[in-house]
Amino acid sequence: MRTATITRNTSETQITVSINLDGTGKAHFDTGVPFLEHMLDQIARHGLIDLDIVCKGDLHIDDHHTVEDIGITLGQALKAALGDKVGIRRYGHAYVPLDEALSRVVLDLSGRAGLEYNIDFTRALIGRFDVDLFSEFFHGLVNHAMMTLHIDNLRGKNAHHQAETVFKAFGRALRMAVEYDERMAGKMPSTKGTLTA
């Protein structure tokens, strides 16, 4: 089983993330940010990845540090669980609709950090959640998982739907990329011979 547990403690957040890439979509969250937890649940459920994330953050200031640092720690856990990446598909993509909203996510577990993030949210807040923080989350995740990630919300009028399609599509794309390809058994999916940098 490809698993990892990462603990990250700073003066702003104390976080533990456990991940199982060969899971069934089980999830447990205790972060103090309910809408983020709803989005993380989409990654677990649609990615068939088990996730356990506990965070104590400085929410009395705002959600920024908590959301960004969860992205960082999840990226670290994903990188650790992937190991040498031998035999994986490496690339993943998904289109996901939700009523009027449609998003596309394409990723490459390349060993290189890169984010193209194109979401024009129709409002600044979803409940009390600041939608600007999704960019911070994905930047943190990409920079520490060392992946190339393209996120495009192609259309949408409801901000909740826009966000949910992005996270569902990310879960589906990640599920595809981390899967083993039997024709790649024992092989590195790169002509360089490595996906670490």
N, C-alpha and C. Protein backbone atom coordinates (compact mmCIF):
# COMPACT_ATOMS: atom_id res chain seq x y z
N MET A 1 0.85 -1.19 0.00
CA MET A 1 0.00 0.00 0.00
C MET A 1 0.88 1.24 0.00
N ARG A 2 0.53 2.20 -0.84
CA ARG A 2 1.31 3.45 -0.93
C ARG A 2 0.70 4.46 0.04
N THR A 3 1.35 4.57 1.18
CA THR A 3 0.83 5.41 2.25
C THR A 3 1.92 6.34 2.76
N ALA A 4 1.47 7.41 3.42
CA ALA A 4 2.41 8.32 4.07
C ALA A 4 1.66 9.11 5.13
N THR A 5 2.38 9.49 6.16
CA THR A 5 1.88 10.40 7.18
C THR A 5 2.91 11.50 7.38
N ILE A 6 2.48 12.72 7.23
CA ILE A 6 3.36 13.88 7.37
C ILE A 6 2.79 14.81 8.44
N THR A 7 3.66 15.23 9.35
CA THR A 7 3.29 16.24 10.35
C THR A 7 4.11 17.49 10.10
N ARG A 8 3.43 18.62 10.10
CA ARG A 8 4.08 19.91 9.84
C ARG A 8 3.62 20.89 10.92
N ASN A 9 4.56 21.38 11.69
CA ASN A 9 4.24 22.31 12.77
C ASN A 9 4.95 23.64 12.57
N THR A 10 4.17 24.72 12.59
CA THR A 10 4.73 26.07 12.55
C THR A 10 4.04 26.89 13.63
N SER A 11 4.42 28.14 13.73
CA SER A 11 3.77 29.01 14.71
C SER A 11 2.34 29.36 14.30
N GLU A 12 1.97 29.04 13.05
CA GLU A 12 0.64 29.37 12.55
C GLU A 12 -0.29 28.16 12.48
N THR A 13 0.27 26.99 12.19
CA THR A 13 -0.54 25.78 12.05
C THR A 13 0.20 24.56 12.56
N GLN A 14 -0.57 23.60 13.05
CA GLN A 14 -0.05 22.28 13.40
C GLN A 14 -0.92 21.28 12.64
N ILE A 15 -0.29 20.55 11.72
CA ILE A 15 -1.04 19.72 10.78
C ILE A 15 -0.46 18.31 10.72
N THR A 16 -1.36 17.33 10.65
CA THR A 16 -0.97 15.96 10.32
C THR A 16 -1.86 15.48 9.19
N VAL A 17 -1.24 14.99 8.13
CA VAL A 17 -1.95 14.45 6.97
C VAL A 17 -1.51 13.00 6.79
N SER A 18 -2.50 12.11 6.69
CA SER A 18 -2.24 10.71 6.33
C SER A 18 -2.96 10.42 5.03
N ILE A 19 -2.28 9.72 4.12
CA ILE A 19 -2.83 9.44 2.80
C ILE A 19 -2.57 7.99 2.43
N ASN A 20 -3.54 7.38 1.76
CA ASN A 20 -3.39 6.05 1.20
C ASN A 20 -3.85 6.12 -0.25
N LEU A 21 -2.91 6.05 -1.18
CA LEU A 21 -3.23 6.17 -2.59
C LEU A 21 -4.00 4.97 -3.12
N ASP A 22 -3.98 3.87 -2.41
CA ASP A 22 -4.66 2.65 -2.84
C ASP A 22 -5.88 2.38 -1.95
N GLY A 23 -6.54 3.44 -1.55
CA GLY A 23 -7.65 3.33 -0.63
C GLY A 23 -8.99 3.15 -1.33
N THR A 24 -10.04 3.52 -0.60
CA THR A 24 -11.41 3.36 -1.10
C THR A 24 -12.20 4.66 -1.04
N GLY A 25 -11.52 5.76 -0.69
CA GLY A 25 -12.20 7.04 -0.62
C GLY A 25 -12.65 7.43 0.77
N LYS A 26 -12.14 6.74 1.78
CA LYS A 26 -12.50 7.08 3.16
C LYS A 26 -11.82 8.40 3.56
N ALA A 27 -12.53 9.21 4.34
CA ALA A 27 -11.98 10.51 4.70
C ALA A 27 -12.37 10.89 6.11
N HIS A 28 -11.44 11.56 6.79
CA HIS A 28 -11.70 12.16 8.09
C HIS A 28 -10.98 13.49 8.13
N PHE A 29 -11.71 14.54 8.50
CA PHE A 29 -11.13 15.88 8.55
C PHE A 29 -11.51 16.57 9.84
N ASP A 30 -10.54 17.29 10.38
CA ASP A 30 -10.77 18.15 11.54
C ASP A 30 -9.87 19.37 11.37
N THR A 31 -10.38 20.36 10.62
CA THR A 31 -9.55 21.51 10.26
C THR A 31 -10.11 22.84 10.74
N GLY A 32 -11.39 22.86 11.10
CA GLY A 32 -12.02 24.12 11.48
C GLY A 32 -12.49 24.95 10.30
N VAL A 33 -12.32 24.41 9.07
CA VAL A 33 -12.75 25.12 7.85
C VAL A 33 -13.71 24.19 7.10
N PRO A 34 -15.00 24.26 7.40
CA PRO A 34 -15.94 23.27 6.87
C PRO A 34 -16.01 23.20 5.34
N PHE A 35 -15.97 24.34 4.65
CA PHE A 35 -16.09 24.25 3.20
C PHE A 35 -14.85 23.62 2.57
N LEU A 36 -13.67 23.89 3.13
CA LEU A 36 -12.48 23.20 2.64
C LEU A 36 -12.61 21.70 2.85
N GLU A 37 -13.14 21.28 4.00
CA GLU A 37 -13.32 19.86 4.26
C GLU A 37 -14.27 19.23 3.23
N HIS A 38 -15.32 19.96 2.85
CA HIS A 38 -16.24 19.48 1.83
C HIS A 38 -15.50 19.27 0.50
N MET A 39 -14.57 20.16 0.18
CA MET A 39 -13.80 20.03 -1.06
C MET A 39 -12.78 18.89 -0.96
N LEU A 40 -12.11 18.77 0.17
CA LEU A 40 -11.16 17.67 0.37
C LEU A 40 -11.86 16.32 0.27
N ASP A 41 -13.10 16.27 0.73
CA ASP A 41 -13.88 15.04 0.64
C ASP A 41 -14.10 14.64 -0.82
N GLN A 42 -14.21 15.63 -1.71
CA GLN A 42 -14.35 15.33 -3.14
C GLN A 42 -13.09 14.65 -3.68
N ILE A 43 -11.91 15.14 -3.24
CA ILE A 43 -10.66 14.51 -3.67
C ILE A 43 -10.62 13.05 -3.24
N ALA A 44 -10.94 12.81 -1.97
CA ALA A 44 -10.90 11.44 -1.44
C ALA A 44 -11.90 10.55 -2.15
N ARG A 45 -13.15 11.00 -2.22
CA ARG A 45 -14.21 10.16 -2.76
C ARG A 45 -14.01 9.85 -4.24
N HIS A 46 -13.70 10.87 -5.01
CA HIS A 46 -13.60 10.66 -6.45
C HIS A 46 -12.21 10.19 -6.88
N GLY A 47 -11.23 10.36 -6.01
CA GLY A 47 -9.89 9.84 -6.28
C GLY A 47 -9.65 8.46 -5.73
N LEU A 48 -10.63 7.92 -4.96
CA LEU A 48 -10.44 6.65 -4.25
C LEU A 48 -9.15 6.67 -3.43
N ILE A 49 -8.95 7.79 -2.77
CA ILE A 49 -7.78 8.00 -1.93
C ILE A 49 -8.26 8.19 -0.49
N ASP A 50 -7.70 7.44 0.44
CA ASP A 50 -8.04 7.65 1.84
C ASP A 50 -7.26 8.84 2.37
N LEU A 51 -7.96 9.76 3.03
CA LEU A 51 -7.34 10.96 3.57
C LEU A 51 -7.76 11.17 5.01
N ASP A 52 -6.79 11.49 5.84
CA ASP A 52 -7.05 11.89 7.22
C ASP A 52 -6.24 13.17 7.46
N ILE A 53 -6.94 14.28 7.69
CA ILE A 53 -6.27 15.56 7.85
C ILE A 53 -6.76 16.25 9.11
N VAL A 54 -5.84 16.51 10.01
CA VAL A 54 -6.14 17.22 11.25
C VAL A 54 -5.28 18.47 11.30
N CYS A 55 -5.91 19.60 11.54
CA CYS A 55 -5.17 20.87 11.58
C CYS A 55 -5.70 21.75 12.69
N LYS A 56 -4.78 22.29 13.46
CA LYS A 56 -5.10 23.34 14.42
C LYS A 56 -4.39 24.60 13.93
N GLY A 57 -5.17 25.56 13.45
CA GLY A 57 -4.58 26.76 12.86
C GLY A 57 -5.07 28.03 13.51
N ASP A 58 -4.47 29.13 13.09
CA ASP A 58 -4.79 30.44 13.69
C ASP A 58 -6.03 31.04 13.01
N LEU A 59 -7.15 30.33 13.18
CA LEU A 59 -8.40 30.75 12.54
C LEU A 59 -8.95 32.05 13.13
N HIS A 60 -8.44 32.45 14.30
CA HIS A 60 -8.86 33.73 14.88
C HIS A 60 -8.36 34.90 14.03
N ILE A 61 -7.33 34.64 13.21
CA ILE A 61 -6.85 35.66 12.28
C ILE A 61 -7.67 35.57 10.99
N ASP A 62 -7.53 34.49 10.26
CA ASP A 62 -8.42 34.12 9.15
C ASP A 62 -8.03 32.71 8.72
N ASP A 63 -8.64 32.24 7.61
CA ASP A 63 -8.42 30.86 7.18
C ASP A 63 -7.17 30.67 6.33
N HIS A 64 -6.49 31.76 5.99
CA HIS A 64 -5.43 31.71 4.99
C HIS A 64 -4.34 30.71 5.33
N HIS A 65 -3.75 30.82 6.50
CA HIS A 65 -2.62 29.94 6.85
C HIS A 65 -3.06 28.48 6.89
N THR A 66 -4.26 28.23 7.42
CA THR A 66 -4.75 26.86 7.51
C THR A 66 -4.92 26.25 6.13
N VAL A 67 -5.56 26.97 5.22
CA VAL A 67 -5.82 26.43 3.88
C VAL A 67 -4.52 26.23 3.12
N GLU A 68 -3.65 27.22 3.12
CA GLU A 68 -2.38 27.10 2.40
C GLU A 68 -1.52 25.98 2.96
N ASP A 69 -1.43 25.90 4.28
CA ASP A 69 -0.55 24.91 4.90
C ASP A 69 -1.09 23.49 4.76
N ILE A 70 -2.41 23.34 4.69
CA ILE A 70 -2.97 22.02 4.39
C ILE A 70 -2.56 21.61 2.97
N GLY A 71 -2.60 22.55 2.03
CA GLY A 71 -2.14 22.25 0.68
C GLY A 71 -0.69 21.81 0.66
N ILE A 72 0.15 22.53 1.41
CA ILE A 72 1.58 22.18 1.49
C ILE A 72 1.77 20.78 2.04
N THR A 73 1.10 20.49 3.16
CA THR A 73 1.30 19.21 3.83
C THR A 73 0.71 18.05 3.03
N LEU A 74 -0.43 18.28 2.39
CA LEU A 74 -0.99 17.26 1.51
C LEU A 74 -0.05 16.98 0.35
N GLY A 75 0.56 18.03 -0.21
CA GLY A 75 1.54 17.83 -1.27
C GLY A 75 2.73 17.01 -0.81
N GLN A 76 3.22 17.27 0.38
CA GLN A 76 4.34 16.50 0.93
C GLN A 76 3.95 15.04 1.12
N ALA A 77 2.74 14.80 1.61
CA ALA A 77 2.28 13.43 1.83
C ALA A 77 2.10 12.69 0.51
N LEU A 78 1.56 13.38 -0.48
CA LEU A 78 1.38 12.76 -1.80
C LEU A 78 2.73 12.37 -2.41
N LYS A 79 3.69 13.27 -2.32
CA LYS A 79 5.03 12.99 -2.85
C LYS A 79 5.65 11.79 -2.16
N ALA A 80 5.52 11.73 -0.83
CA ALA A 80 6.10 10.62 -0.08
C ALA A 80 5.41 9.30 -0.42
N ALA A 81 4.09 9.32 -0.55
CA ALA A 81 3.35 8.09 -0.84
C ALA A 81 3.64 7.56 -2.24
N LEU A 82 3.92 8.46 -3.17
CA LEU A 82 4.19 8.04 -4.56
C LEU A 82 5.52 7.31 -4.70
N GLY A 83 6.46 7.61 -3.84
CA GLY A 83 7.76 6.94 -3.92
C GLY A 83 8.46 7.23 -5.22
N ASP A 84 9.01 6.18 -5.87
CA ASP A 84 9.82 6.39 -7.08
C ASP A 84 8.99 6.53 -8.35
N LYS A 85 7.68 6.31 -8.27
CA LYS A 85 6.72 6.47 -9.38
C LYS A 85 6.89 5.44 -10.49
N VAL A 86 7.66 4.42 -10.26
CA VAL A 86 7.83 3.37 -11.26
C VAL A 86 6.48 2.69 -11.52
N GLY A 87 6.13 2.56 -12.81
CA GLY A 87 4.94 1.82 -13.20
C GLY A 87 3.64 2.59 -13.20
N ILE A 88 3.65 3.86 -12.75
CA ILE A 88 2.39 4.61 -12.71
C ILE A 88 2.07 5.19 -14.09
N ARG A 89 0.82 5.61 -14.26
CA ARG A 89 0.41 6.23 -15.52
C ARG A 89 1.02 7.62 -15.69
N ARG A 90 1.27 8.31 -14.60
CA ARG A 90 1.91 9.62 -14.56
C ARG A 90 0.97 10.77 -14.91
N TYR A 91 0.22 10.64 -15.98
CA TYR A 91 -0.67 11.71 -16.43
C TYR A 91 -2.11 11.39 -16.05
N GLY A 92 -2.87 12.44 -15.77
CA GLY A 92 -4.29 12.26 -15.51
C GLY A 92 -5.07 13.46 -15.98
N HIS A 93 -6.31 13.23 -16.33
CA HIS A 93 -7.17 14.32 -16.76
C HIS A 93 -8.62 13.98 -16.46
N ALA A 94 -9.44 15.00 -16.30
CA ALA A 94 -10.87 14.77 -16.08
C ALA A 94 -11.64 16.04 -16.40
N TYR A 95 -12.81 15.84 -17.00
CA TYR A 95 -13.84 16.88 -17.11
C TYR A 95 -14.96 16.49 -16.16
N VAL A 96 -15.42 17.43 -15.35
CA VAL A 96 -16.53 17.15 -14.44
C VAL A 96 -17.55 18.27 -14.52
N PRO A 97 -18.83 17.90 -14.75
CA PRO A 97 -19.90 18.89 -14.73
C PRO A 97 -20.65 18.84 -13.39
N LEU A 98 -21.29 19.92 -13.04
CA LEU A 98 -22.28 19.95 -11.97
C LEU A 98 -23.30 21.01 -12.36
N ASP A 99 -24.44 20.56 -12.81
CA ASP A 99 -25.46 21.45 -13.34
C ASP A 99 -24.86 22.36 -14.42
N GLU A 100 -24.84 23.66 -14.19
CA GLU A 100 -24.36 24.60 -15.22
C GLU A 100 -22.84 24.72 -15.26
N ALA A 101 -22.14 24.20 -14.27
CA ALA A 101 -20.69 24.37 -14.15
C ALA A 101 -19.95 23.19 -14.80
N LEU A 102 -18.79 23.50 -15.37
CA LEU A 102 -17.95 22.47 -16.00
C LEU A 102 -16.49 22.85 -15.79
N SER A 103 -15.71 21.91 -15.28
CA SER A 103 -14.28 22.14 -15.07
C SER A 103 -13.44 21.03 -15.68
N ARG A 104 -12.23 21.42 -16.07
CA ARG A 104 -11.24 20.48 -16.62
C ARG A 104 -9.97 20.57 -15.79
N VAL A 105 -9.45 19.41 -15.39
CA VAL A 105 -8.18 19.35 -14.67
C VAL A 105 -7.27 18.36 -15.39
N VAL A 106 -6.05 18.78 -15.66
CA VAL A 106 -5.04 17.94 -16.31
C VAL A 106 -3.78 18.02 -15.46
N LEU A 107 -3.18 16.87 -15.15
CA LEU A 107 -1.98 16.90 -14.31
C LEU A 107 -0.93 15.92 -14.78
N ASP A 108 0.28 16.20 -14.38
CA ASP A 108 1.45 15.39 -14.71
C ASP A 108 2.29 15.28 -13.44
N LEU A 109 2.50 14.06 -12.98
CA LEU A 109 3.34 13.83 -11.80
C LEU A 109 4.80 13.85 -12.25
N SER A 110 5.21 15.01 -12.69
CA SER A 110 6.43 15.20 -13.47
C SER A 110 7.70 15.35 -12.64
N GLY A 111 7.54 15.67 -11.37
CA GLY A 111 8.71 16.05 -10.57
C GLY A 111 9.04 17.52 -10.72
N ARG A 112 8.21 18.26 -11.45
CA ARG A 112 8.40 19.70 -11.64
C ARG A 112 7.12 20.40 -11.19
N ALA A 113 7.29 21.46 -10.42
CA ALA A 113 6.13 22.19 -9.91
C ALA A 113 5.69 23.24 -10.91
N GLY A 114 4.41 23.20 -11.26
CA GLY A 114 3.87 24.22 -12.15
C GLY A 114 2.36 24.24 -12.04
N LEU A 115 1.77 25.42 -11.91
CA LEU A 115 0.32 25.55 -11.78
C LEU A 115 -0.20 26.58 -12.77
N GLU A 116 -1.16 26.16 -13.58
CA GLU A 116 -1.96 27.06 -14.39
C GLU A 116 -3.37 27.01 -13.81
N TYR A 117 -3.83 28.14 -13.29
CA TYR A 117 -5.06 28.18 -12.49
C TYR A 117 -5.99 29.23 -13.09
N ASN A 118 -7.08 28.77 -13.68
CA ASN A 118 -8.00 29.67 -14.37
C ASN A 118 -9.43 29.44 -13.90
N ILE A 119 -9.79 30.16 -12.85
CA ILE A 119 -11.16 30.11 -12.32
C ILE A 119 -11.62 31.54 -12.08
N ASP A 120 -12.66 31.92 -12.76
CA ASP A 120 -13.25 33.25 -12.56
C ASP A 120 -14.52 33.06 -11.73
N PHE A 121 -14.32 33.00 -10.42
CA PHE A 121 -15.46 32.77 -9.53
C PHE A 121 -16.49 33.89 -9.66
N THR A 122 -17.74 33.53 -9.58
CA THR A 122 -18.82 34.50 -9.74
C THR A 122 -19.09 35.30 -8.47
N ARG A 123 -18.51 34.88 -7.37
CA ARG A 123 -18.59 35.68 -6.14
C ARG A 123 -17.37 35.40 -5.29
N ALA A 124 -17.09 36.31 -4.36
CA ALA A 124 -15.86 36.25 -3.58
C ALA A 124 -15.94 35.30 -2.40
N LEU A 125 -17.13 35.04 -1.92
CA LEU A 125 -17.32 34.18 -0.76
C LEU A 125 -18.30 33.07 -1.07
N ILE A 126 -17.99 31.88 -0.58
CA ILE A 126 -18.94 30.77 -0.57
C ILE A 126 -19.25 30.54 0.90
N GLY A 127 -20.40 30.99 1.33
CA GLY A 127 -20.65 31.05 2.77
C GLY A 127 -19.68 32.05 3.37
N ARG A 128 -18.82 31.56 4.28
CA ARG A 128 -17.79 32.42 4.87
C ARG A 128 -16.42 32.16 4.25
N PHE A 129 -16.35 31.26 3.26
CA PHE A 129 -15.06 30.86 2.70
C PHE A 129 -14.65 31.81 1.58
N ASP A 130 -13.43 32.33 1.67
CA ASP A 130 -12.87 33.24 0.68
C ASP A 130 -12.32 32.42 -0.48
N VAL A 131 -12.90 32.58 -1.68
CA VAL A 131 -12.50 31.74 -2.81
C VAL A 131 -11.06 31.98 -3.25
N ASP A 132 -10.46 33.11 -2.90
CA ASP A 132 -9.05 33.35 -3.22
C ASP A 132 -8.14 32.29 -2.60
N LEU A 133 -8.61 31.67 -1.53
CA LEU A 133 -7.77 30.69 -0.83
C LEU A 133 -7.60 29.39 -1.60
N PHE A 134 -8.48 29.11 -2.55
CA PHE A 134 -8.28 27.90 -3.36
C PHE A 134 -6.99 27.98 -4.15
N SER A 135 -6.64 29.15 -4.65
CA SER A 135 -5.37 29.33 -5.36
C SER A 135 -4.20 29.04 -4.42
N GLU A 136 -4.29 29.54 -3.19
CA GLU A 136 -3.22 29.29 -2.22
C GLU A 136 -3.09 27.80 -1.92
N PHE A 137 -4.22 27.12 -1.79
CA PHE A 137 -4.22 25.67 -1.53
C PHE A 137 -3.50 24.93 -2.65
N PHE A 138 -3.88 25.21 -3.89
CA PHE A 138 -3.30 24.47 -5.01
C PHE A 138 -1.83 24.84 -5.25
N HIS A 139 -1.47 26.11 -5.01
CA HIS A 139 -0.04 26.46 -5.11
C HIS A 139 0.78 25.66 -4.10
N GLY A 140 0.30 25.59 -2.86
CA GLY A 140 1.01 24.83 -1.84
C GLY A 140 1.13 23.36 -2.20
N LEU A 141 0.04 22.78 -2.69
CA LEU A 141 0.02 21.37 -3.05
C LEU A 141 0.99 21.09 -4.19
N VAL A 142 0.90 21.88 -5.25
CA VAL A 142 1.74 21.67 -6.44
C VAL A 142 3.22 21.82 -6.10
N ASN A 143 3.57 22.84 -5.34
CA ASN A 143 4.97 23.11 -5.03
C ASN A 143 5.62 22.03 -4.19
N HIS A 144 4.81 21.28 -3.44
CA HIS A 144 5.38 20.27 -2.55
C HIS A 144 5.15 18.84 -3.05
N ALA A 145 4.12 18.63 -3.87
CA ALA A 145 3.96 17.33 -4.52
C ALA A 145 4.85 17.23 -5.74
N MET A 146 5.34 18.38 -6.23
CA MET A 146 6.16 18.45 -7.44
C MET A 146 5.39 17.88 -8.63
N MET A 147 4.25 18.50 -8.91
CA MET A 147 3.44 18.12 -10.06
C MET A 147 3.17 19.34 -10.92
N THR A 148 2.84 19.09 -12.18
CA THR A 148 2.34 20.11 -13.07
C THR A 148 0.82 19.97 -13.11
N LEU A 149 0.11 21.08 -12.86
CA LEU A 149 -1.34 21.02 -12.72
C LEU A 149 -1.98 22.17 -13.49
N HIS A 150 -2.91 21.81 -14.37
CA HIS A 150 -3.70 22.80 -15.11
C HIS A 150 -5.16 22.69 -14.66
N ILE A 151 -5.69 23.79 -14.15
CA ILE A 151 -7.08 23.85 -13.69
C ILE A 151 -7.80 24.90 -14.50
N ASP A 152 -8.89 24.49 -15.14
CA ASP A 152 -9.71 25.43 -15.91
C ASP A 152 -11.18 25.21 -15.58
N ASN A 153 -11.81 26.21 -15.00
CA ASN A 153 -13.27 26.20 -14.90
C ASN A 153 -13.79 26.78 -16.21
N LEU A 154 -14.41 25.95 -17.02
CA LEU A 154 -14.81 26.33 -18.36
C LEU A 154 -16.08 27.15 -18.38
N ARG A 155 -16.96 26.90 -17.41
CA ARG A 155 -18.16 27.71 -17.27
C ARG A 155 -18.78 27.45 -15.91
N GLY A 156 -19.61 28.37 -15.49
CA GLY A 156 -20.31 28.20 -14.23
C GLY A 156 -20.87 29.52 -13.74
N LYS A 157 -22.04 29.45 -13.11
CA LYS A 157 -22.68 30.63 -12.54
C LYS A 157 -22.73 30.56 -11.02
N ASN A 158 -22.75 29.37 -10.49
CA ASN A 158 -22.82 29.16 -9.05
C ASN A 158 -21.42 28.86 -8.53
N ALA A 159 -20.90 29.70 -7.65
CA ALA A 159 -19.52 29.55 -7.18
C ALA A 159 -19.28 28.22 -6.47
N HIS A 160 -20.27 27.75 -5.74
CA HIS A 160 -20.15 26.44 -5.08
C HIS A 160 -19.96 25.35 -6.13
N HIS A 161 -20.75 25.41 -7.20
CA HIS A 161 -20.63 24.43 -8.27
C HIS A 161 -19.28 24.54 -8.97
N GLN A 162 -18.81 25.76 -9.18
CA GLN A 162 -17.50 25.95 -9.80
C GLN A 162 -16.41 25.25 -8.98
N ALA A 163 -16.40 25.51 -7.68
CA ALA A 163 -15.39 24.91 -6.81
C ALA A 163 -15.51 23.39 -6.77
N GLU A 164 -16.73 22.90 -6.66
CA GLU A 164 -16.92 21.46 -6.52
C GLU A 164 -16.49 20.71 -7.77
N THR A 165 -16.77 21.28 -8.95
CA THR A 165 -16.33 20.60 -10.17
C THR A 165 -14.81 20.55 -10.26
N VAL A 166 -14.14 21.60 -9.79
CA VAL A 166 -12.67 21.60 -9.80
C VAL A 166 -12.12 20.51 -8.91
N PHE A 167 -12.63 20.39 -7.69
CA PHE A 167 -12.08 19.41 -6.76
C PHE A 167 -12.44 17.99 -7.15
N LYS A 168 -13.64 17.79 -7.69
CA LYS A 168 -13.99 16.45 -8.20
C LYS A 168 -13.09 16.08 -9.36
N ALA A 169 -12.88 17.01 -10.28
CA ALA A 169 -12.03 16.73 -11.43
C ALA A 169 -10.59 16.48 -11.00
N PHE A 170 -10.12 17.22 -10.00
CA PHE A 170 -8.77 16.97 -9.50
C PHE A 170 -8.67 15.56 -8.93
N GLY A 171 -9.66 15.14 -8.15
CA GLY A 171 -9.65 13.79 -7.60
C GLY A 171 -9.62 12.73 -8.68
N ARG A 172 -10.45 12.90 -9.72
CA ARG A 172 -10.48 11.93 -10.82
C ARG A 172 -9.16 11.91 -11.59
N ALA A 173 -8.60 13.08 -11.86
CA ALA A 173 -7.34 13.15 -12.59
C ALA A 173 -6.20 12.53 -11.78
N LEU A 174 -6.19 12.79 -10.49
CA LEU A 174 -5.15 12.22 -9.63
C LEU A 174 -5.27 10.71 -9.56
N ARG A 175 -6.50 10.23 -9.46
CA ARG A 175 -6.73 8.78 -9.46
C ARG A 175 -6.14 8.13 -10.70
N MET A 176 -6.36 8.74 -11.85
CA MET A 176 -5.82 8.21 -13.10
C MET A 176 -4.30 8.22 -13.09
N ALA A 177 -3.70 9.32 -12.66
CA ALA A 177 -2.25 9.48 -12.73
C ALA A 177 -1.50 8.53 -11.81
N VAL A 178 -2.06 8.23 -10.64
CA VAL A 178 -1.34 7.38 -9.67
C VAL A 178 -1.58 5.90 -9.92
N GLU A 179 -2.53 5.56 -10.78
CA GLU A 179 -2.79 4.15 -11.06
C GLU A 179 -1.58 3.48 -11.70
N TYR A 180 -1.44 2.20 -11.40
CA TYR A 180 -0.41 1.41 -12.07
C TYR A 180 -0.91 0.99 -13.44
N ASP A 181 -0.03 1.06 -14.42
CA ASP A 181 -0.29 0.59 -15.78
C ASP A 181 0.49 -0.71 -15.95
N GLU A 182 -0.23 -1.80 -16.15
CA GLU A 182 0.45 -3.11 -16.19
C GLU A 182 1.47 -3.18 -17.31
N ARG A 183 1.28 -2.41 -18.36
CA ARG A 183 2.26 -2.42 -19.46
C ARG A 183 3.52 -1.63 -19.11
N MET A 184 3.43 -0.83 -18.02
CA MET A 184 4.59 -0.08 -17.55
C MET A 184 5.26 -0.74 -16.35
N ALA A 185 4.88 -1.97 -16.06
CA ALA A 185 5.39 -2.65 -14.86
C ALA A 185 6.91 -2.62 -14.83
N GLY A 186 7.45 -2.09 -13.74
CA GLY A 186 8.89 -2.02 -13.57
C GLY A 186 9.57 -0.94 -14.37
N LYS A 187 8.79 -0.13 -15.07
CA LYS A 187 9.38 0.90 -15.93
C LYS A 187 9.08 2.29 -15.39
N MET A 188 10.02 3.18 -15.61
CA MET A 188 9.83 4.58 -15.26
C MET A 188 9.12 5.28 -16.42
N PRO A 189 8.00 5.95 -16.18
CA PRO A 189 7.29 6.62 -17.28
C PRO A 189 7.94 7.94 -17.67
N SER A 190 9.21 7.86 -18.04
CA SER A 190 9.97 9.04 -18.45
C SER A 190 11.20 8.59 -19.22
N THR A 191 11.52 9.28 -20.31
CA THR A 191 12.73 8.95 -21.05
C THR A 191 13.99 9.39 -20.31
N LYS A 192 13.82 10.25 -19.29
CA LYS A 192 14.97 10.69 -18.48
C LYS A 192 15.40 9.61 -17.50
N GLY A 193 14.46 8.70 -17.19
CA GLY A 193 14.77 7.66 -16.21
C GLY A 193 14.47 8.07 -14.79
N THR A 194 13.92 9.28 -14.60
CA THR A 194 13.56 9.73 -13.25
C THR A 194 12.43 10.73 -13.35
N LEU A 195 11.61 10.80 -12.28
CA LEU A 195 10.55 11.81 -12.17
C LEU A 195 10.70 12.57 -10.86
N THR A 196 11.93 12.73 -10.43
CA THR A 196 12.16 13.42 -9.16
C THR A 196 12.52 14.87 -9.35
N ALA A 197 12.93 15.29 -10.54
CA ALA A 197 13.29 16.69 -10.78
C ALA A 197 13.36 16.95 -12.28
